[in-house]
Every structure is written in C-alpha cells, then in structure tokens.
Amino acid sequence: MSIGANIAVITTGAVIAFAVRVHTSGFSVYAVGAVLMAVGAVSLAMQISALAKQRELTSVQAEVSPEAVLVRPNGSIRQPYGPRGTTAMPPAPGESPCQSADEYTGNEW
C-alpha cells in the first residue's frame, strides 16, 4: 500500500472506533476500528522504512568511484550510445528518413 492508502486505513479505523455507535452481539465495532488503525499504523511504518532503505540504496548507487573505467572489448566498433538516429546520436543531415518541410508536397497520403 502507498502512504496515502495507509493513512486512509488509519482514518477509517478511527471513524469506525470513535464515531460509529452500533451495538451488535457477534462482534465489537470498536475492535474492528482498533484493528484497522493498528494495521494501518504498522503498514505505514513498514512503507516509510522501505522508502528510506530505497533512498539509501539509490544514493549509494549514484556515487561513482573515481577509479571507474568504461571497458569495451577489443575490436568493438559499437558506438557508446546506441545506433545512430537516437536522441544521443542524431543522424547526419542527409541521412534522415523523414522529409523536411521543403520536400513535403502534401500528396504522400
């Protein structure tokens, strides 16, 4: 569950426990509200700790060692950013498969 869903479960449990006045013989409405609040609180604590752990791992992974080296196999002719035509390596002006505005006549459809 997300943090918002956990808070919604806690709120629902509080409303059931404190605002609802129902007398039943089979179960206690107050106990149901208390259980919902407890489940929401435990789940919220787990969610926050998981997010903290994720943030810690992400910040550790983002640190690049000064000794880091990009290694390519011998004889590799592969470009470092993928094939030409991607955002990282756009094609040369005459190599584009798309027409420019000057080349478009309007009858291609």
N, C-alpha and C. Protein backbone atom coordinates (compact mmCIF):
# COMPACT_ATOMS: atom_id res chain seq x y z
N MET A 1 0.84 -1.19 0.00
CA MET A 1 0.00 0.00 0.00
C MET A 1 0.88 1.24 0.00
N SER A 2 0.33 2.29 -0.52
CA SER A 2 1.04 3.56 -0.50
C SER A 2 0.82 4.27 0.83
N ILE A 3 1.54 5.35 1.02
CA ILE A 3 1.41 6.10 2.27
C ILE A 3 -0.01 6.66 2.40
N GLY A 4 -0.56 7.15 1.31
CA GLY A 4 -1.92 7.68 1.35
C GLY A 4 -2.95 6.62 1.69
N ALA A 5 -2.78 5.41 1.16
CA ALA A 5 -3.71 4.32 1.47
C ALA A 5 -3.60 3.93 2.94
N ASN A 6 -2.39 3.92 3.46
CA ASN A 6 -2.21 3.60 4.89
C ASN A 6 -2.89 4.64 5.77
N ILE A 7 -2.76 5.89 5.43
CA ILE A 7 -3.42 6.95 6.21
C ILE A 7 -4.94 6.82 6.09
N ALA A 8 -5.43 6.43 4.91
CA ALA A 8 -6.87 6.22 4.75
C ALA A 8 -7.37 5.08 5.62
N VAL A 9 -6.59 4.00 5.74
CA VAL A 9 -6.99 2.87 6.59
C VAL A 9 -7.01 3.29 8.06
N ILE A 10 -6.00 4.07 8.47
CA ILE A 10 -5.98 4.56 9.85
C ILE A 10 -7.19 5.45 10.12
N THR A 11 -7.49 6.34 9.18
CA THR A 11 -8.64 7.24 9.34
C THR A 11 -9.96 6.47 9.39
N THR A 12 -10.09 5.49 8.52
CA THR A 12 -11.31 4.67 8.52
C THR A 12 -11.46 3.93 9.85
N GLY A 13 -10.37 3.40 10.35
CA GLY A 13 -10.42 2.72 11.65
C GLY A 13 -10.79 3.66 12.78
N ALA A 14 -10.28 4.89 12.73
CA ALA A 14 -10.61 5.87 13.77
C ALA A 14 -12.08 6.25 13.70
N VAL A 15 -12.61 6.42 12.50
CA VAL A 15 -14.04 6.76 12.36
C VAL A 15 -14.89 5.61 12.89
N ILE A 16 -14.54 4.39 12.53
CA ILE A 16 -15.32 3.24 13.00
C ILE A 16 -15.21 3.10 14.52
N ALA A 17 -14.04 3.31 15.06
CA ALA A 17 -13.85 3.10 16.50
C ALA A 17 -14.48 4.20 17.34
N PHE A 18 -14.43 5.44 16.86
CA PHE A 18 -14.84 6.55 17.73
C PHE A 18 -16.16 7.21 17.33
N ALA A 19 -16.58 7.08 16.08
CA ALA A 19 -17.76 7.82 15.65
C ALA A 19 -18.97 6.94 15.39
N VAL A 20 -18.79 5.66 15.21
CA VAL A 20 -19.91 4.78 14.90
C VAL A 20 -20.45 4.20 16.20
N ARG A 21 -21.75 4.29 16.37
CA ARG A 21 -22.41 3.74 17.56
C ARG A 21 -23.37 2.63 17.13
N VAL A 22 -22.85 1.42 17.08
CA VAL A 22 -23.66 0.26 16.72
C VAL A 22 -23.46 -0.79 17.80
N HIS A 23 -24.55 -1.38 18.25
CA HIS A 23 -24.47 -2.42 19.26
C HIS A 23 -24.82 -3.75 18.60
N THR A 24 -23.85 -4.64 18.55
CA THR A 24 -24.06 -5.96 17.96
C THR A 24 -23.67 -7.01 18.98
N SER A 25 -24.17 -8.21 18.78
CA SER A 25 -23.84 -9.28 19.72
C SER A 25 -22.72 -10.17 19.19
N GLY A 26 -22.48 -10.15 17.89
CA GLY A 26 -21.48 -11.04 17.30
C GLY A 26 -20.06 -10.53 17.38
N PHE A 27 -19.85 -9.26 17.21
CA PHE A 27 -18.51 -8.70 17.22
C PHE A 27 -18.56 -7.25 17.69
N SER A 28 -17.43 -6.72 18.02
CA SER A 28 -17.35 -5.36 18.51
C SER A 28 -16.89 -4.44 17.38
N VAL A 29 -17.67 -3.40 17.10
CA VAL A 29 -17.30 -2.43 16.08
C VAL A 29 -16.07 -1.66 16.53
N TYR A 30 -15.93 -1.45 17.80
CA TYR A 30 -14.76 -0.75 18.33
C TYR A 30 -13.48 -1.55 18.08
N ALA A 31 -13.58 -2.87 18.23
CA ALA A 31 -12.42 -3.73 17.98
C ALA A 31 -12.03 -3.70 16.50
N VAL A 32 -13.03 -3.68 15.61
CA VAL A 32 -12.75 -3.60 14.18
C VAL A 32 -12.01 -2.30 13.86
N GLY A 33 -12.46 -1.20 14.43
CA GLY A 33 -11.79 0.08 14.22
C GLY A 33 -10.38 0.08 14.76
N ALA A 34 -10.19 -0.51 15.94
CA ALA A 34 -8.86 -0.57 16.53
C ALA A 34 -7.91 -1.43 15.69
N VAL A 35 -8.43 -2.54 15.16
CA VAL A 35 -7.61 -3.40 14.31
C VAL A 35 -7.22 -2.66 13.03
N LEU A 36 -8.15 -1.94 12.43
CA LEU A 36 -7.83 -1.17 11.22
C LEU A 36 -6.78 -0.11 11.50
N MET A 37 -6.89 0.57 12.63
CA MET A 37 -5.88 1.58 12.98
C MET A 37 -4.52 0.94 13.20
N ALA A 38 -4.49 -0.21 13.85
CA ALA A 38 -3.21 -0.89 14.11
C ALA A 38 -2.58 -1.38 12.81
N VAL A 39 -3.39 -1.99 11.95
CA VAL A 39 -2.87 -2.47 10.67
C VAL A 39 -2.35 -1.31 9.83
N GLY A 40 -3.09 -0.21 9.80
CA GLY A 40 -2.65 0.96 9.05
C GLY A 40 -1.36 1.55 9.59
N ALA A 41 -1.22 1.59 10.92
CA ALA A 41 -0.01 2.15 11.53
C ALA A 41 1.20 1.27 11.26
N VAL A 42 1.04 -0.04 11.40
CA VAL A 42 2.16 -0.96 11.13
C VAL A 42 2.55 -0.90 9.65
N SER A 43 1.56 -0.89 8.78
CA SER A 43 1.84 -0.82 7.34
C SER A 43 2.50 0.50 6.97
N LEU A 44 2.08 1.60 7.59
CA LEU A 44 2.69 2.90 7.33
C LEU A 44 4.15 2.91 7.77
N ALA A 45 4.43 2.33 8.93
CA ALA A 45 5.82 2.26 9.41
C ALA A 45 6.68 1.42 8.47
N MET A 46 6.14 0.31 7.98
CA MET A 46 6.88 -0.53 7.04
C MET A 46 7.13 0.20 5.73
N GLN A 47 6.13 0.94 5.25
CA GLN A 47 6.26 1.68 4.00
C GLN A 47 7.33 2.77 4.12
N ILE A 48 7.32 3.49 5.22
CA ILE A 48 8.31 4.56 5.40
C ILE A 48 9.72 3.98 5.52
N SER A 49 9.87 2.85 6.23
CA SER A 49 11.20 2.25 6.34
C SER A 49 11.67 1.70 4.99
N ALA A 50 10.76 1.16 4.19
CA ALA A 50 11.14 0.67 2.86
C ALA A 50 11.57 1.82 1.95
N LEU A 51 10.86 2.94 2.03
CA LEU A 51 11.25 4.10 1.23
C LEU A 51 12.60 4.65 1.67
N ALA A 52 12.86 4.65 2.98
CA ALA A 52 14.16 5.12 3.47
C ALA A 52 15.28 4.21 2.98
N LYS A 53 15.04 2.91 3.01
CA LYS A 53 16.04 1.95 2.53
C LYS A 53 16.28 2.14 1.03
N GLN A 54 15.21 2.34 0.27
CA GLN A 54 15.34 2.56 -1.17
C GLN A 54 16.13 3.84 -1.45
N ARG A 55 15.85 4.89 -0.72
CA ARG A 55 16.57 6.14 -0.91
C ARG A 55 18.05 5.96 -0.57
N GLU A 56 18.34 5.19 0.48
CA GLU A 56 19.73 4.93 0.86
C GLU A 56 20.45 4.16 -0.23
N LEU A 57 19.82 3.13 -0.78
CA LEU A 57 20.44 2.33 -1.83
C LEU A 57 20.64 3.17 -3.09
N THR A 58 19.69 3.99 -3.42
CA THR A 58 19.79 4.81 -4.62
C THR A 58 20.92 5.82 -4.50
N SER A 59 21.07 6.43 -3.33
CA SER A 59 22.15 7.40 -3.16
C SER A 59 23.51 6.72 -3.18
N VAL A 60 23.60 5.49 -2.68
CA VAL A 60 24.87 4.76 -2.71
C VAL A 60 25.19 4.38 -4.15
N GLN A 61 24.20 3.96 -4.92
CA GLN A 61 24.43 3.58 -6.31
C GLN A 61 24.81 4.78 -7.16
N ALA A 62 24.33 5.96 -6.79
CA ALA A 62 24.61 7.15 -7.59
C ALA A 62 26.04 7.63 -7.43
N GLU A 63 26.69 7.25 -6.36
CA GLU A 63 28.08 7.65 -6.16
C GLU A 63 28.97 6.85 -7.11
N VAL A 64 29.77 7.54 -7.91
CA VAL A 64 30.65 6.88 -8.87
C VAL A 64 32.07 6.96 -8.33
N SER A 65 32.71 5.84 -8.32
CA SER A 65 34.08 5.78 -7.85
C SER A 65 34.99 6.51 -8.82
N PRO A 66 35.99 7.24 -8.33
CA PRO A 66 36.90 7.91 -9.24
C PRO A 66 37.74 6.94 -10.07
N GLU A 67 37.81 5.68 -9.64
CA GLU A 67 38.57 4.69 -10.39
C GLU A 67 37.71 4.00 -11.45
N ALA A 68 36.46 4.38 -11.58
CA ALA A 68 35.56 3.72 -12.53
C ALA A 68 36.04 3.96 -13.96
N VAL A 69 36.03 2.90 -14.76
CA VAL A 69 36.51 2.97 -16.14
C VAL A 69 35.51 2.24 -17.02
N LEU A 70 35.20 2.82 -18.18
CA LEU A 70 34.36 2.17 -19.16
C LEU A 70 35.23 1.22 -19.97
N VAL A 71 34.89 -0.06 -19.98
CA VAL A 71 35.69 -1.06 -20.67
C VAL A 71 34.89 -1.62 -21.82
N ARG A 72 35.52 -1.63 -23.00
CA ARG A 72 34.90 -2.24 -24.18
C ARG A 72 35.80 -3.37 -24.65
N PRO A 73 35.19 -4.40 -25.25
CA PRO A 73 36.02 -5.49 -25.78
C PRO A 73 36.93 -4.99 -26.90
N ASN A 74 38.04 -5.68 -27.09
CA ASN A 74 38.96 -5.32 -28.16
C ASN A 74 38.28 -5.47 -29.52
N GLY A 75 38.49 -4.53 -30.38
CA GLY A 75 37.93 -4.59 -31.73
C GLY A 75 36.47 -4.18 -31.79
N SER A 76 35.91 -3.66 -30.72
CA SER A 76 34.50 -3.27 -30.71
C SER A 76 34.33 -1.97 -31.49
N ILE A 77 33.41 -1.98 -32.45
CA ILE A 77 33.14 -0.76 -33.21
C ILE A 77 31.79 -0.18 -32.82
N ARG A 78 31.17 -0.77 -31.84
CA ARG A 78 29.85 -0.30 -31.40
C ARG A 78 29.96 1.09 -30.78
N GLN A 79 29.04 1.94 -31.15
CA GLN A 79 29.03 3.29 -30.61
C GLN A 79 28.60 3.25 -29.14
N PRO A 80 29.09 4.16 -28.32
CA PRO A 80 28.77 4.10 -26.90
C PRO A 80 27.32 4.41 -26.56
N TYR A 81 26.58 5.10 -27.41
CA TYR A 81 25.22 5.50 -27.06
C TYR A 81 24.17 4.83 -27.92
N GLY A 82 24.46 3.75 -28.57
CA GLY A 82 23.47 3.06 -29.36
C GLY A 82 23.55 3.46 -30.83
N PRO A 83 22.60 3.01 -31.62
CA PRO A 83 22.65 3.26 -33.06
C PRO A 83 22.42 4.73 -33.39
N ARG A 84 22.92 5.12 -34.54
CA ARG A 84 22.71 6.49 -34.99
C ARG A 84 21.21 6.69 -35.22
N GLY A 85 20.76 7.87 -34.94
CA GLY A 85 19.34 8.17 -35.09
C GLY A 85 18.63 8.25 -33.76
N THR A 86 19.30 7.89 -32.68
CA THR A 86 18.69 8.05 -31.37
C THR A 86 18.92 9.48 -30.90
N THR A 87 18.34 9.82 -29.79
CA THR A 87 18.49 11.17 -29.27
C THR A 87 19.93 11.48 -28.93
N ALA A 88 20.68 10.46 -28.45
CA ALA A 88 22.06 10.69 -28.06
C ALA A 88 22.96 10.90 -29.28
N MET A 89 22.64 10.24 -30.40
CA MET A 89 23.45 10.37 -31.61
C MET A 89 22.52 10.60 -32.80
N PRO A 90 22.12 11.82 -33.05
CA PRO A 90 21.21 12.06 -34.17
C PRO A 90 21.89 11.78 -35.51
N PRO A 91 21.10 11.44 -36.53
CA PRO A 91 21.70 11.16 -37.84
C PRO A 91 22.25 12.44 -38.47
N ALA A 92 23.13 12.23 -39.42
CA ALA A 92 23.67 13.37 -40.16
C ALA A 92 22.55 14.01 -40.95
N PRO A 93 22.68 15.27 -41.36
CA PRO A 93 21.59 15.98 -42.03
C PRO A 93 21.02 15.27 -43.25
N GLY A 94 21.82 14.60 -44.04
CA GLY A 94 21.29 13.95 -45.24
C GLY A 94 20.81 12.53 -45.01
N GLU A 95 20.99 11.95 -43.82
CA GLU A 95 20.66 10.55 -43.56
C GLU A 95 19.27 10.33 -42.98
N SER A 96 18.53 11.36 -42.67
CA SER A 96 17.24 11.21 -42.01
C SER A 96 16.21 10.62 -42.96
N PRO A 97 15.43 9.61 -42.51
CA PRO A 97 14.38 9.05 -43.37
C PRO A 97 13.15 9.96 -43.45
N CYS A 98 13.09 10.99 -42.64
CA CYS A 98 11.94 11.89 -42.62
C CYS A 98 12.16 13.01 -43.63
N GLN A 99 11.06 13.51 -44.17
CA GLN A 99 11.14 14.60 -45.12
C GLN A 99 11.19 15.93 -44.38
N SER A 100 11.89 16.86 -44.96
CA SER A 100 11.88 18.20 -44.40
C SER A 100 10.64 18.92 -44.91
N ALA A 101 10.36 20.07 -44.39
CA ALA A 101 9.18 20.84 -44.80
C ALA A 101 9.28 21.22 -46.27
N ASP A 102 10.50 21.44 -46.77
CA ASP A 102 10.67 21.81 -48.18
C ASP A 102 10.39 20.64 -49.12
N GLU A 103 10.66 19.42 -48.68
CA GLU A 103 10.46 18.23 -49.53
C GLU A 103 9.03 17.73 -49.53
N TYR A 104 8.22 18.12 -48.58
CA TYR A 104 6.85 17.62 -48.46
C TYR A 104 5.95 18.31 -49.47
N THR A 105 5.26 17.50 -50.29
CA THR A 105 4.37 18.08 -51.30
C THR A 105 2.91 17.97 -50.89
N GLY A 106 2.60 17.14 -49.92
CA GLY A 106 1.22 17.04 -49.47
C GLY A 106 0.43 15.92 -50.14
N ASN A 107 1.03 15.16 -51.06
CA ASN A 107 0.31 14.11 -51.78
C ASN A 107 0.76 12.71 -51.37
N GLU A 108 1.48 12.57 -50.26
CA GLU A 108 2.00 11.26 -49.88
C GLU A 108 0.94 10.36 -49.24
N TRP A 109 -0.16 10.91 -48.81
CA TRP A 109 -1.17 10.08 -48.14
C TRP A 109 -1.97 9.37 -49.16
